[in-house]
Amino acid sequence: MSASSPHFDVAAYALGVLDDDEAEEFERHLDDCAPCRAELLETQDLPGMLDAFKDGSIPSERTIP
């Protein structure tokens, strides 16, 4: 987990980039941190949205000439 604050790990956790130990530590943090739980709920669809964008399922709003 980040040395400065576990609150910075919400996006990393949502994206699945934390290692197993970091993910377990962050999950313990979630038990006591309502702001992180709320932020995680807001970002839980992010990985799927990024995959869809990458696959072309969601068109970019701008086109690059």
C-alpha atoms as a PDB file:
ATOM      1  CA  MET A   1       0.000   0.000   0.000  1.00  0.00           C
ATOM      2  CA  SER A   2       1.185   3.522  -0.561  1.00  0.00           C
ATOM      3  CA  ALA A   3       3.460   4.793   2.164  1.00  0.00           C
ATOM      4  CA  SER A   4       1.674   8.122   2.465  1.00  0.00           C
ATOM      5  CA  SER A   5      -1.946   7.058   2.912  1.00  0.00           C
ATOM      6  CA  PRO A   6      -4.163   4.062   2.177  1.00  0.00           C
ATOM      7  CA  HIS A   7      -6.715   6.494   0.766  1.00  0.00           C
ATOM      8  CA  PHE A   8      -4.615   6.779  -2.388  1.00  0.00           C
ATOM      9  CA  ASP A   9      -5.042   3.049  -3.036  1.00  0.00           C
ATOM     10  CA  VAL A  10      -8.753   3.162  -3.923  1.00  0.00           C
ATOM     11  CA  ALA A  11      -8.161   3.475  -7.670  1.00  0.00           C
ATOM     12  CA  ALA A  12      -5.288   0.985  -7.591  1.00  0.00           C
ATOM     13  CA  TYR A  13      -7.526  -1.491  -5.774  1.00  0.00           C
ATOM     14  CA  ALA A  14     -10.409  -0.905  -8.191  1.00  0.00           C
ATOM     15  CA  LEU A  15      -8.068  -1.461 -11.140  1.00  0.00           C
ATOM     16  CA  GLY A  16      -6.609  -4.605  -9.575  1.00  0.00           C
ATOM     17  CA  VAL A  17      -3.016  -3.403  -9.601  1.00  0.00           C
ATOM     18  CA  LEU A  18      -2.245  -3.937  -5.911  1.00  0.00           C
ATOM     19  CA  ASP A  19      -0.313  -7.071  -5.049  1.00  0.00           C
ATOM     20  CA  ASP A  20      -2.013  -9.641  -2.818  1.00  0.00           C
ATOM     21  CA  ASP A  21      -0.596  -8.258   0.432  1.00  0.00           C
ATOM     22  CA  GLU A  22      -1.479  -4.675  -0.482  1.00  0.00           C
ATOM     23  CA  ALA A  23      -5.003  -5.700  -1.505  1.00  0.00           C
ATOM     24  CA  GLU A  24      -5.552  -7.538   1.783  1.00  0.00           C
ATOM     25  CA  GLU A  25      -4.255  -4.555   3.750  1.00  0.00           C
ATOM     26  CA  PHE A  26      -6.506  -2.202   1.802  1.00  0.00           C
ATOM     27  CA  GLU A  27      -9.516  -4.482   2.368  1.00  0.00           C
ATOM     28  CA  ARG A  28      -8.859  -4.278   6.118  1.00  0.00           C
ATOM     29  CA  HIS A  29      -8.689  -0.501   5.763  1.00  0.00           C
ATOM     30  CA  LEU A  30     -12.061  -0.506   3.986  1.00  0.00           C
ATOM     31  CA  ASP A  31     -13.677  -2.080   7.065  1.00  0.00           C
ATOM     32  CA  ASP A  32     -13.118   1.161   8.985  1.00  0.00           C
ATOM     33  CA  CYS A  33     -13.097   3.846   6.280  1.00  0.00           C
ATOM     34  CA  ALA A  34     -16.475   4.951   4.968  1.00  0.00           C
ATOM     35  CA  PRO A  35     -14.983   7.554   2.566  1.00  0.00           C
ATOM     36  CA  CYS A  36     -12.865   4.887   0.848  1.00  0.00           C
ATOM     37  CA  ARG A  37     -15.843   2.515   0.640  1.00  0.00           C
ATOM     38  CA  ALA A  38     -17.899   5.283  -0.975  1.00  0.00           C
ATOM     39  CA  GLU A  39     -15.114   6.144  -3.411  1.00  0.00           C
ATOM     40  CA  LEU A  40     -14.690   2.470  -4.286  1.00  0.00           C
ATOM     41  CA  LEU A  41     -18.421   2.220  -5.062  1.00  0.00           C
ATOM     42  CA  GLU A  42     -18.054   5.217  -7.372  1.00  0.00           C
ATOM     43  CA  THR A  43     -15.071   3.701  -9.183  1.00  0.00           C
ATOM     44  CA  GLN A  44     -16.076   0.029  -9.329  1.00  0.00           C
ATOM     45  CA  ASP A  45     -17.164   0.297 -12.972  1.00  0.00           C
ATOM     46  CA  LEU A  46     -13.924   1.971 -14.045  1.00  0.00           C
ATOM     47  CA  PRO A  47     -12.026  -1.201 -15.098  1.00  0.00           C
ATOM     48  CA  GLY A  48     -14.862  -2.337 -17.368  1.00  0.00           C
ATOM     49  CA  MET A  49     -15.257   1.137 -18.827  1.00  0.00           C
ATOM     50  CA  LEU A  50     -11.531   1.341 -19.579  1.00  0.00           C
ATOM     51  CA  ASP A  51     -11.624  -2.093 -21.227  1.00  0.00           C
ATOM     52  CA  ALA A  52     -14.610  -1.072 -23.344  1.00  0.00           C
ATOM     53  CA  PHE A  53     -12.890   2.137 -24.371  1.00  0.00           C
ATOM     54  CA  LYS A  54      -9.701   0.259 -25.228  1.00  0.00           C
ATOM     55  CA  ASP A  55     -11.639  -2.301 -27.290  1.00  0.00           C
ATOM     56  CA  GLY A  56     -13.464   0.443 -29.190  1.00  0.00           C
ATOM     57  CA  SER A  57     -16.857  -0.345 -27.662  1.00  0.00           C
ATOM     58  CA  ILE A  58     -17.030   3.217 -26.362  1.00  0.00           C
ATOM     59  CA  PRO A  59     -16.023   5.770 -28.992  1.00  0.00           C
ATOM     60  CA  SER A  60     -13.716   8.566 -28.012  1.00  0.00           C
ATOM     61  CA  GLU A  61     -15.377  11.993 -27.866  1.00  0.00           C
ATOM     62  CA  ARG A  62     -12.612  13.463 -29.986  1.00  0.00           C
ATOM     63  CA  THR A  63     -10.936  12.041 -32.995  1.00  0.00           C
ATOM     64  CA  ILE A  64      -7.261  12.478 -33.562  1.00  0.00           C
ATOM     65  CA  PRO A  65      -6.521  13.748 -37.083  1.00  0.00           C
END
